[in-house]
C-alpha atoms as a PDB file:
ATOM      1  CA  MET A   1       8.566 -42.569 -79.184  1.00  0.00           C
ATOM      2  CA  ALA A   2       5.303 -40.972 -78.281  1.00  0.00           C
ATOM      3  CA  ARG A   3       4.876 -43.332 -75.316  1.00  0.00           C
ATOM      4  CA  LYS A   4       8.410 -42.681 -74.086  1.00  0.00           C
ATOM      5  CA  LYS A   5       7.859 -38.974 -74.224  1.00  0.00           C
ATOM      6  CA  LYS A   6       4.573 -39.346 -72.411  1.00  0.00           C
ATOM      7  CA  GLY A   7       6.147 -41.580 -69.830  1.00  0.00           C
ATOM      8  CA  GLY A   8       8.963 -39.105 -69.296  1.00  0.00           C
ATOM      9  CA  GLU A   9       6.504 -36.283 -68.760  1.00  0.00           C
ATOM     10  CA  GLY A  10       4.603 -38.405 -66.272  1.00  0.00           C
ATOM     11  CA  GLY A  11       7.756 -39.189 -64.266  1.00  0.00           C
ATOM     12  CA  SER A  12       8.796 -35.534 -63.969  1.00  0.00           C
ATOM     13  CA  GLY A  13       5.247 -34.607 -62.858  1.00  0.00           C
ATOM     14  CA  HIS A  14       5.347 -36.971 -59.869  1.00  0.00           C
ATOM     15  CA  GLU A  15       8.765 -35.657 -58.848  1.00  0.00           C
ATOM     16  CA  GLY A  16       7.464 -32.027 -58.800  1.00  0.00           C
ATOM     17  CA  SER A  17       4.462 -32.977 -56.640  1.00  0.00           C
ATOM     18  CA  TRP A  18       6.777 -34.591 -54.046  1.00  0.00           C
ATOM     19  CA  MET A  19       8.845 -31.400 -53.832  1.00  0.00           C
ATOM     20  CA  VAL A  20       5.749 -29.277 -53.180  1.00  0.00           C
ATOM     21  CA  THR A  21       4.664 -31.568 -50.331  1.00  0.00           C
ATOM     22  CA  PHE A  22       8.137 -31.466 -48.775  1.00  0.00           C
ATOM     23  CA  SER A  23       8.167 -27.677 -49.034  1.00  0.00           C
ATOM     24  CA  ASP A  24       4.801 -27.387 -47.257  1.00  0.00           C
ATOM     25  CA  LEU A  25       5.953 -29.729 -44.494  1.00  0.00           C
ATOM     26  CA  SER A  26       9.152 -27.746 -44.007  1.00  0.00           C
ATOM     27  CA  THR A  27       7.162 -24.527 -43.721  1.00  0.00           C
ATOM     28  CA  LEU A  28       4.844 -26.053 -41.108  1.00  0.00           C
ATOM     29  CA  LEU A  29       7.784 -27.359 -39.079  1.00  0.00           C
ATOM     30  CA  LEU A  30       9.474 -23.974 -39.210  1.00  0.00           C
ATOM     31  CA  THR A  31       6.261 -22.269 -38.051  1.00  0.00           C
ATOM     32  CA  PHE A  32       5.899 -24.774 -35.214  1.00  0.00           C
ATOM     33  CA  PHE A  33       9.438 -24.194 -33.935  1.00  0.00           C
ATOM     34  CA  VAL A  34       9.028 -20.425 -34.160  1.00  0.00           C
ATOM     35  CA  LEU A  35       5.844 -20.728 -32.090  1.00  0.00           C
ATOM     36  CA  LEU A  36       7.620 -22.867 -29.481  1.00  0.00           C
ATOM     37  CA  LEU A  37      10.422 -20.346 -29.273  1.00  0.00           C
ATOM     38  CA  SER A  38       8.050 -17.425 -28.791  1.00  0.00           C
ATOM     39  CA  MET A  39       6.068 -19.273 -26.109  1.00  0.00           C
ATOM     40  CA  SER A  40       9.214 -20.217 -24.208  1.00  0.00           C
ATOM     41  CA  SER A  41      10.054 -16.529 -23.817  1.00  0.00           C
ATOM     42  CA  MET A  42       6.723 -15.776 -22.107  1.00  0.00           C
ATOM     43  CA  ASP A  43       6.261 -15.849 -18.372  1.00  0.00           C
ATOM     44  CA  ASP A  44       4.799 -19.224 -17.341  1.00  0.00           C
ATOM     45  CA  LEU A  45       2.342 -17.748 -14.839  1.00  0.00           C
ATOM     46  CA  LYS A  46       1.044 -15.208 -17.333  1.00  0.00           C
ATOM     47  CA  LEU A  47       0.655 -17.907 -19.962  1.00  0.00           C
ATOM     48  CA  LYS A  48      -1.295 -20.172 -17.609  1.00  0.00           C
ATOM     49  CA  SER A  49      -3.413 -17.281 -16.435  1.00  0.00           C
ATOM     50  CA  MET A  50      -4.266 -16.369 -19.997  1.00  0.00           C
ATOM     51  CA  PHE A  51      -5.083 -19.847 -21.259  1.00  0.00           C
ATOM     52  CA  GLN A  52      -7.048 -21.044 -18.251  1.00  0.00           C
ATOM     53  CA  ASN A  53      -9.845 -18.673 -19.244  1.00  0.00           C
ATOM     54  CA  PHE A  54     -10.276 -20.189 -22.690  1.00  0.00           C
ATOM     55  CA  THR A  55     -12.242 -23.199 -21.521  1.00  0.00           C
ATOM     56  CA  SER A  56     -14.786 -23.553 -24.314  1.00  0.00           C
ATOM     57  CA  SER A  57     -15.415 -22.757 -27.923  1.00  0.00           C
ATOM     58  CA  SER A  58     -16.538 -19.314 -26.795  1.00  0.00           C
ATOM     59  CA  GLY A  59     -13.266 -18.808 -24.937  1.00  0.00           C
ATOM     60  CA  ILE A  60     -12.737 -15.267 -26.161  1.00  0.00           C
ATOM     61  CA  LEU A  61     -16.138 -14.185 -24.905  1.00  0.00           C
ATOM     62  CA  LEU A  62     -15.578 -15.961 -21.628  1.00  0.00           C
ATOM     63  CA  PHE A  63     -12.221 -14.293 -21.215  1.00  0.00           C
ATOM     64  CA  LYS A  64     -13.740 -10.891 -21.879  1.00  0.00           C
ATOM     65  CA  GLN A  65     -16.597 -11.506 -19.455  1.00  0.00           C
ATOM     66  CA  TYR A  66     -14.226 -12.783 -16.790  1.00  0.00           C
ATOM     67  CA  GLY A  67     -12.096  -9.674 -17.171  1.00  0.00           C
ATOM     68  CA  GLU A  68     -15.117  -7.393 -16.790  1.00  0.00           C
ATOM     69  CA  ILE A  69     -16.414  -9.287 -13.754  1.00  0.00           C
ATOM     70  CA  TYR A  70     -13.000  -9.312 -12.124  1.00  0.00           C
ATOM     71  CA  HIS A  71     -12.651  -5.568 -12.731  1.00  0.00           C
ATOM     72  CA  ALA A  72     -16.105  -4.947 -11.247  1.00  0.00           C
ATOM     73  CA  LYS A  73     -15.166  -7.051  -8.214  1.00  0.00           C
ATOM     74  CA  GLU A  74     -12.008  -4.984  -7.750  1.00  0.00           C
ATOM     75  CA  ILE A  75     -14.071  -1.770  -7.841  1.00  0.00           C
ATOM     76  CA  PHE A  76     -16.561  -3.160  -5.300  1.00  0.00           C
ATOM     77  CA  ILE A  77     -13.827  -4.309  -2.911  1.00  0.00           C
ATOM     78  CA  GLN A  78     -12.050  -0.967  -3.169  1.00  0.00           C
ATOM     79  CA  GLY A  79     -15.330   0.877  -2.504  1.00  0.00           C
ATOM     80  CA  LEU A  80     -16.054  -1.370   0.465  1.00  0.00           C
ATOM     81  CA  TYR A  81     -12.591  -0.721   1.864  1.00  0.00           C
ATOM     82  CA  GLU A  82     -13.008   3.046   1.518  1.00  0.00           C
ATOM     83  CA  LYS A  83     -16.366   2.971   3.309  1.00  0.00           C
ATOM     84  CA  LEU A  84     -14.984   0.906   6.184  1.00  0.00           C
ATOM     85  CA  LYS A  85     -11.916   3.139   6.425  1.00  0.00           C
ATOM     86  CA  ASP A  86     -14.091   6.260   6.562  1.00  0.00           C
ATOM     87  CA  ALA A  87     -16.309   4.695   9.208  1.00  0.00           C
ATOM     88  CA  LEU A  88     -13.306   3.794  11.353  1.00  0.00           C
ATOM     89  CA  VAL A  89     -11.920   7.323  11.037  1.00  0.00           C
ATOM     90  CA  VAL A  90     -15.249   8.851  12.032  1.00  0.00           C
ATOM     91  CA  ASN A  91     -15.573   6.541  15.026  1.00  0.00           C
ATOM     92  CA  LYS A  92     -12.006   7.282  16.099  1.00  0.00           C
ATOM     93  CA  ASP A  93     -12.501  11.044  15.751  1.00  0.00           C
ATOM     94  CA  THR A  94     -15.768  11.097  17.712  1.00  0.00           C
ATOM     95  CA  GLU A  95     -14.939   8.516  20.371  1.00  0.00           C
ATOM     96  CA  GLY A  96     -13.500  11.128  22.719  1.00  0.00           C
ATOM     97  CA  ILE A  97     -16.444  13.447  22.110  1.00  0.00           C
ATOM     98  CA  GLU A  98     -18.902  10.625  22.859  1.00  0.00           C
ATOM     99  CA  ASN A  99     -17.175   9.927  26.162  1.00  0.00           C
ATOM    100  CA  GLU A 100     -17.215  13.623  26.978  1.00  0.00           C
ATOM    101  CA  LEU A 101     -20.926  13.807  26.149  1.00  0.00           C
ATOM    102  CA  ALA A 102     -21.675  10.844  28.401  1.00  0.00           C
ATOM    103  CA  SER A 103     -19.647  12.366  31.219  1.00  0.00           C
ATOM    104  CA  ASN A 104     -21.298  15.787  30.907  1.00  0.00           C
ATOM    105  CA  ILE A 105     -24.808  14.352  30.893  1.00  0.00           C
ATOM    106  CA  THR A 106     -24.293  12.085  33.882  1.00  0.00           C
ATOM    107  CA  GLU A 107     -22.592  14.892  35.819  1.00  0.00           C
ATOM    108  CA  ASN A 108     -25.671  17.075  35.475  1.00  0.00           C
ATOM    109  CA  PRO A 109     -27.178  17.233  39.004  1.00  0.00           C
ATOM    110  CA  PHE A 110     -30.719  16.711  37.760  1.00  0.00           C
ATOM    111  CA  VAL A 111     -29.744  13.669  35.692  1.00  0.00           C
ATOM    112  CA  ASN A 112     -27.478  12.220  38.360  1.00  0.00           C
ATOM    113  CA  ALA A 113     -30.201  12.447  40.972  1.00  0.00           C
ATOM    114  CA  SER A 114     -32.672  10.426  38.921  1.00  0.00           C
ATOM    115  CA  ALA A 115     -30.272   7.994  37.203  1.00  0.00           C
ATOM    116  CA  ALA A 116     -32.805   7.672  34.380  1.00  0.00           C
ATOM    117  CA  VAL A 117     -30.484   8.017  31.400  1.00  0.00           C
ATOM    118  CA  LYS A 118     -28.636   5.166  29.690  1.00  0.00           C
ATOM    119  CA  PHE A 119     -26.011   4.867  26.968  1.00  0.00           C
ATOM    120  CA  GLU A 120     -26.310   1.880  24.671  1.00  0.00           C
ATOM    121  CA  ASN A 121     -23.817   0.918  21.952  1.00  0.00           C
ATOM    122  CA  LEU A 122     -25.219  -0.062  18.564  1.00  0.00           C
ATOM    123  CA  GLU A 123     -23.621  -1.816  15.609  1.00  0.00           C
ATOM    124  CA  ASN A 124     -23.334   1.456  13.684  1.00  0.00           C
ATOM    125  CA  GLY A 125     -23.546   4.057  16.439  1.00  0.00           C
ATOM    126  CA  PHE A 126     -25.076   4.468  19.884  1.00  0.00           C
ATOM    127  CA  LYS A 127     -28.173   5.816  21.587  1.00  0.00           C
ATOM    128  CA  LEU A 128     -29.165   7.822  24.631  1.00  0.00           C
ATOM    129  CA  VAL A 129     -32.237   6.574  26.465  1.00  0.00           C
ATOM    130  CA  PHE A 130     -33.973   9.148  28.649  1.00  0.00           C
ATOM    131  CA  GLY A 131     -36.650   8.112  31.079  1.00  0.00           C
ATOM    132  CA  GLN A 132     -39.855  10.084  30.561  1.00  0.00           C
ATOM    133  CA  GLU A 133     -39.711  11.603  34.049  1.00  0.00           C
ATOM    134  CA  LEU A 134     -36.379  13.220  33.198  1.00  0.00           C
ATOM    135  CA  LEU A 135     -37.655  15.127  30.197  1.00  0.00           C
ATOM    136  CA  PHE A 136     -41.405  15.476  30.724  1.00  0.00           C
ATOM    137  CA  ARG A 137     -44.054  15.473  33.378  1.00  0.00           C
ATOM    138  CA  SER A 138     -46.769  12.845  33.191  1.00  0.00           C
ATOM    139  CA  GLY A 139     -49.113  13.401  30.251  1.00  0.00           C
ATOM    140  CA  SER A 140     -47.104  16.414  29.024  1.00  0.00           C
ATOM    141  CA  ALA A 141     -44.865  17.016  26.005  1.00  0.00           C
ATOM    142  CA  GLN A 142     -43.280  20.191  27.389  1.00  0.00           C
ATOM    143  CA  ILE A 143     -39.573  19.731  28.099  1.00  0.00           C
ATOM    144  CA  ARG A 144     -38.522  20.266  31.695  1.00  0.00           C
ATOM    145  CA  PRO A 145     -36.384  23.444  31.965  1.00  0.00           C
ATOM    146  CA  GLU A 146     -33.788  21.526  33.988  1.00  0.00           C
ATOM    147  CA  MET A 147     -33.072  19.334  30.953  1.00  0.00           C
ATOM    148  CA  LEU A 148     -32.442  22.108  28.438  1.00  0.00           C
ATOM    149  CA  PRO A 149     -28.702  22.341  29.285  1.00  0.00           C
ATOM    150  CA  VAL A 150     -28.417  18.590  28.742  1.00  0.00           C
ATOM    151  CA  LEU A 151     -30.093  18.815  25.345  1.00  0.00           C
ATOM    152  CA  MET A 152     -27.775  21.693  24.480  1.00  0.00           C
ATOM    153  CA  GLN A 153     -24.805  19.402  25.124  1.00  0.00           C
ATOM    154  CA  VAL A 154     -26.413  16.833  22.838  1.00  0.00           C
ATOM    155  CA  ALA A 155     -26.765  19.537  20.185  1.00  0.00           C
ATOM    156  CA  ASP A 156     -23.095  20.475  20.528  1.00  0.00           C
ATOM    157  CA  PHE A 157     -22.172  16.863  19.841  1.00  0.00           C
ATOM    158  CA  ILE A 158     -24.485  16.588  16.825  1.00  0.00           C
ATOM    159  CA  ARG A 159     -22.961  19.661  15.206  1.00  0.00           C
ATOM    160  CA  VAL A 160     -19.379  18.321  15.323  1.00  0.00           C
ATOM    161  CA  SER A 161     -20.213  14.717  14.380  1.00  0.00           C
ATOM    162  CA  SER A 162     -21.388  13.128  11.142  1.00  0.00           C
ATOM    163  CA  TYR A 163     -24.155  11.026  12.687  1.00  0.00           C
ATOM    164  CA  GLN A 164     -27.726  10.908  11.458  1.00  0.00           C
ATOM    165  CA  VAL A 165     -29.952  11.440  14.499  1.00  0.00           C
ATOM    166  CA  TYR A 166     -33.287   9.752  15.172  1.00  0.00           C
ATOM    167  CA  ILE A 167     -35.542  10.851  18.027  1.00  0.00           C
ATOM    168  CA  ASP A 168     -38.045   8.153  18.996  1.00  0.00           C
ATOM    169  CA  GLY A 169     -40.809   8.701  21.528  1.00  0.00           C
ATOM    170  CA  HIS A 170     -42.290   5.783  23.500  1.00  0.00           C
ATOM    171  CA  THR A 171     -45.027   5.367  26.110  1.00  0.00           C
ATOM    172  CA  ASP A 172     -46.386   2.595  28.276  1.00  0.00           C
ATOM    173  CA  ALA A 173     -49.537   0.659  27.370  1.00  0.00           C
ATOM    174  CA  ILE A 174     -51.971   2.630  29.510  1.00  0.00           C
ATOM    175  CA  PRO A 175     -54.213   4.454  27.014  1.00  0.00           C
ATOM    176  CA  ILE A 176     -54.254   8.238  27.067  1.00  0.00           C
ATOM    177  CA  HIS A 177     -57.073  10.365  25.718  1.00  0.00           C
ATOM    178  CA  THR A 178     -57.076  14.070  26.434  1.00  0.00           C
ATOM    179  CA  ASP A 179     -58.168  17.171  24.575  1.00  0.00           C
ATOM    180  CA  LYS A 180     -54.579  17.661  23.396  1.00  0.00           C
ATOM    181  CA  TYR A 181     -53.443  14.074  22.799  1.00  0.00           C
ATOM    182  CA  LYS A 182     -55.894  11.565  21.400  1.00  0.00           C
ATOM    183  CA  SER A 183     -53.599   8.554  21.710  1.00  0.00           C
ATOM    184  CA  ASN A 184     -50.284   7.330  23.056  1.00  0.00           C
ATOM    185  CA  GLU A 185     -48.819   7.736  19.577  1.00  0.00           C
ATOM    186  CA  ASP A 186     -49.813  11.416  19.546  1.00  0.00           C
ATOM    187  CA  LEU A 187     -48.129  12.031  22.899  1.00  0.00           C
ATOM    188  CA  SER A 188     -44.935  10.182  21.991  1.00  0.00           C
ATOM    189  CA  LEU A 189     -44.696  12.020  18.669  1.00  0.00           C
ATOM    190  CA  ALA A 190     -45.272  15.405  20.313  1.00  0.00           C
ATOM    191  CA  ARG A 191     -42.444  14.717  22.768  1.00  0.00           C
ATOM    192  CA  ALA A 192     -40.052  13.709  19.996  1.00  0.00           C
ATOM    193  CA  TYR A 193     -41.044  16.771  17.977  1.00  0.00           C
ATOM    194  CA  ASN A 194     -40.480  19.196  20.855  1.00  0.00           C
ATOM    195  CA  ILE A 195     -36.987  17.804  21.423  1.00  0.00           C
ATOM    196  CA  MET A 196     -36.203  18.157  17.732  1.00  0.00           C
ATOM    197  CA  GLU A 197     -37.583  21.694  17.677  1.00  0.00           C
ATOM    198  CA  TYR A 198     -35.388  22.731  20.591  1.00  0.00           C
ATOM    199  CA  LEU A 199     -32.278  21.177  19.022  1.00  0.00           C
ATOM    200  CA  VAL A 200     -32.935  22.914  15.700  1.00  0.00           C
ATOM    201  CA  LYS A 201     -34.394  26.282  16.711  1.00  0.00           C
ATOM    202  CA  GLY A 202     -32.827  26.635  20.129  1.00  0.00           C
ATOM    203  CA  CYS A 203     -29.399  25.122  19.482  1.00  0.00           C
ATOM    204  CA  GLY A 204     -28.784  25.554  15.758  1.00  0.00           C
ATOM    205  CA  VAL A 205     -28.675  21.909  14.702  1.00  0.00           C
ATOM    206  CA  ALA A 206     -29.207  21.387  10.965  1.00  0.00           C
ATOM    207  CA  PRO A 207     -32.771  20.081  10.505  1.00  0.00           C
ATOM    208  CA  ASN A 208     -31.740  17.615   7.783  1.00  0.00           C
ATOM    209  CA  THR A 209     -29.671  15.648  10.305  1.00  0.00           C
ATOM    210  CA  ILE A 210     -32.682  14.731  12.462  1.00  0.00           C
ATOM    211  CA  ALA A 211     -35.643  12.423  11.913  1.00  0.00           C
ATOM    212  CA  LEU A 212     -38.332  11.605  14.448  1.00  0.00           C
ATOM    213  CA  CYS A 213     -41.040   9.067  15.189  1.00  0.00           C
ATOM    214  CA  GLY A 214     -43.692   8.463  17.831  1.00  0.00           C
ATOM    215  CA  TYR A 215     -44.223   4.770  18.532  1.00  0.00           C
ATOM    216  CA  GLY A 216     -46.570   5.020  21.481  1.00  0.00           C
ATOM    217  CA  ALA A 217     -46.662   1.635  23.227  1.00  0.00           C
ATOM    218  CA  GLN A 218     -45.671  -0.392  20.154  1.00  0.00           C
ATOM    219  CA  ARG A 219     -42.049  -1.055  21.179  1.00  0.00           C
ATOM    220  CA  PRO A 220     -41.893  -1.890  24.873  1.00  0.00           C
ATOM    221  CA  VAL A 221     -38.597  -2.810  26.518  1.00  0.00           C
ATOM    222  CA  ALA A 222     -40.241  -4.246  29.635  1.00  0.00           C
ATOM    223  CA  SER A 223     -43.543  -5.683  30.798  1.00  0.00           C
ATOM    224  CA  ASN A 224     -46.451  -3.267  31.010  1.00  0.00           C
ATOM    225  CA  LYS A 225     -47.961  -5.339  33.818  1.00  0.00           C
ATOM    226  CA  THR A 226     -45.820  -3.767  36.548  1.00  0.00           C
ATOM    227  CA  PRO A 227     -45.175  -0.136  37.525  1.00  0.00           C
ATOM    228  CA  GLU A 228     -41.427  -0.696  37.101  1.00  0.00           C
ATOM    229  CA  GLY A 229     -41.884  -2.085  33.594  1.00  0.00           C
ATOM    230  CA  ARG A 230     -44.191   0.728  32.545  1.00  0.00           C
ATOM    231  CA  ALA A 231     -41.667   3.283  33.833  1.00  0.00           C
ATOM    232  CA  LYS A 232     -38.990   1.745  31.597  1.00  0.00           C
ATOM    233  CA  ASN A 233     -41.293   1.853  28.592  1.00  0.00           C
ATOM    234  CA  ARG A 234     -41.997   5.565  29.041  1.00  0.00           C
ATOM    235  CA  ARG A 235     -38.876   6.913  27.386  1.00  0.00           C
ATOM    236  CA  VAL A 236     -37.303   8.946  24.607  1.00  0.00           C
ATOM    237  CA  GLU A 237     -34.434   7.496  22.604  1.00  0.00           C
ATOM    238  CA  ILE A 238     -31.975   9.745  20.781  1.00  0.00           C
ATOM    239  CA  ILE A 239     -30.238   7.434  18.332  1.00  0.00           C
ATOM    240  CA  PHE A 240     -26.980   8.271  16.560  1.00  0.00           C
ATOM    241  CA  LYS A 241     -26.312   6.263  13.397  1.00  0.00           C
ATOM    242  CA  ASN A 242     -23.140   6.558  11.389  1.00  0.00           C
ATOM    243  CA  GLN A 243     -23.909   7.780   7.869  1.00  0.00           C
ATOM    244  CA  LYS A 244     -20.694   6.216   6.533  1.00  0.00           C
ATOM    245  CA  TYR A 245     -22.093   2.703   6.955  1.00  0.00           C
ATOM    246  CA  PHE A 246     -23.775   1.010   3.944  1.00  0.00           C
END
């Protein structure tokens, strides 16, 4: 009797274990189908976009990093677009004024007679190139009185534009050594300074919009072996650079 009772207890124990296993399997299947149902309701593109970032065991970190990098890229592109848009607006607004400036300068009788001024377009602005004989006498840094009205027109343009202005003085390669100017660099710098001083003090241009440099003979545009080449090298460049560029 004892064995029968023991055997009966053993049989009912195995039957209970089978029911627990079946219950666990049913729960897993139910969970699986619920998951499939929830995934089917999601947008396919969003699902792919989300899961394609989880490409390693550190998928969550990678996803977070990707999101931050993508956001930073969006900010950079937007900033780049704004800068380019501002630059285009500035160029559009000042294009007519630039043409008017060029026309006024070339119509000046003194300038027209010598034909020693040039307009050159740059990637981020433009420059005026004045031959030395237009602005100064040989060996002198004093501005010719005939050119003051021309420089006043340049000042009018600077005041209504957003350009940063650079005044660069240049000479030929023939050395100069006088009591006033010890070198070509000294002379070229004095010429650039006197132009800046007239624009600021005589015409009311803001001093923080102008920078200057005297290069002497360091940046020739022609050969210094001929009189024609040396004449081209003796010049002052007034360079207008757009501040909106990066």
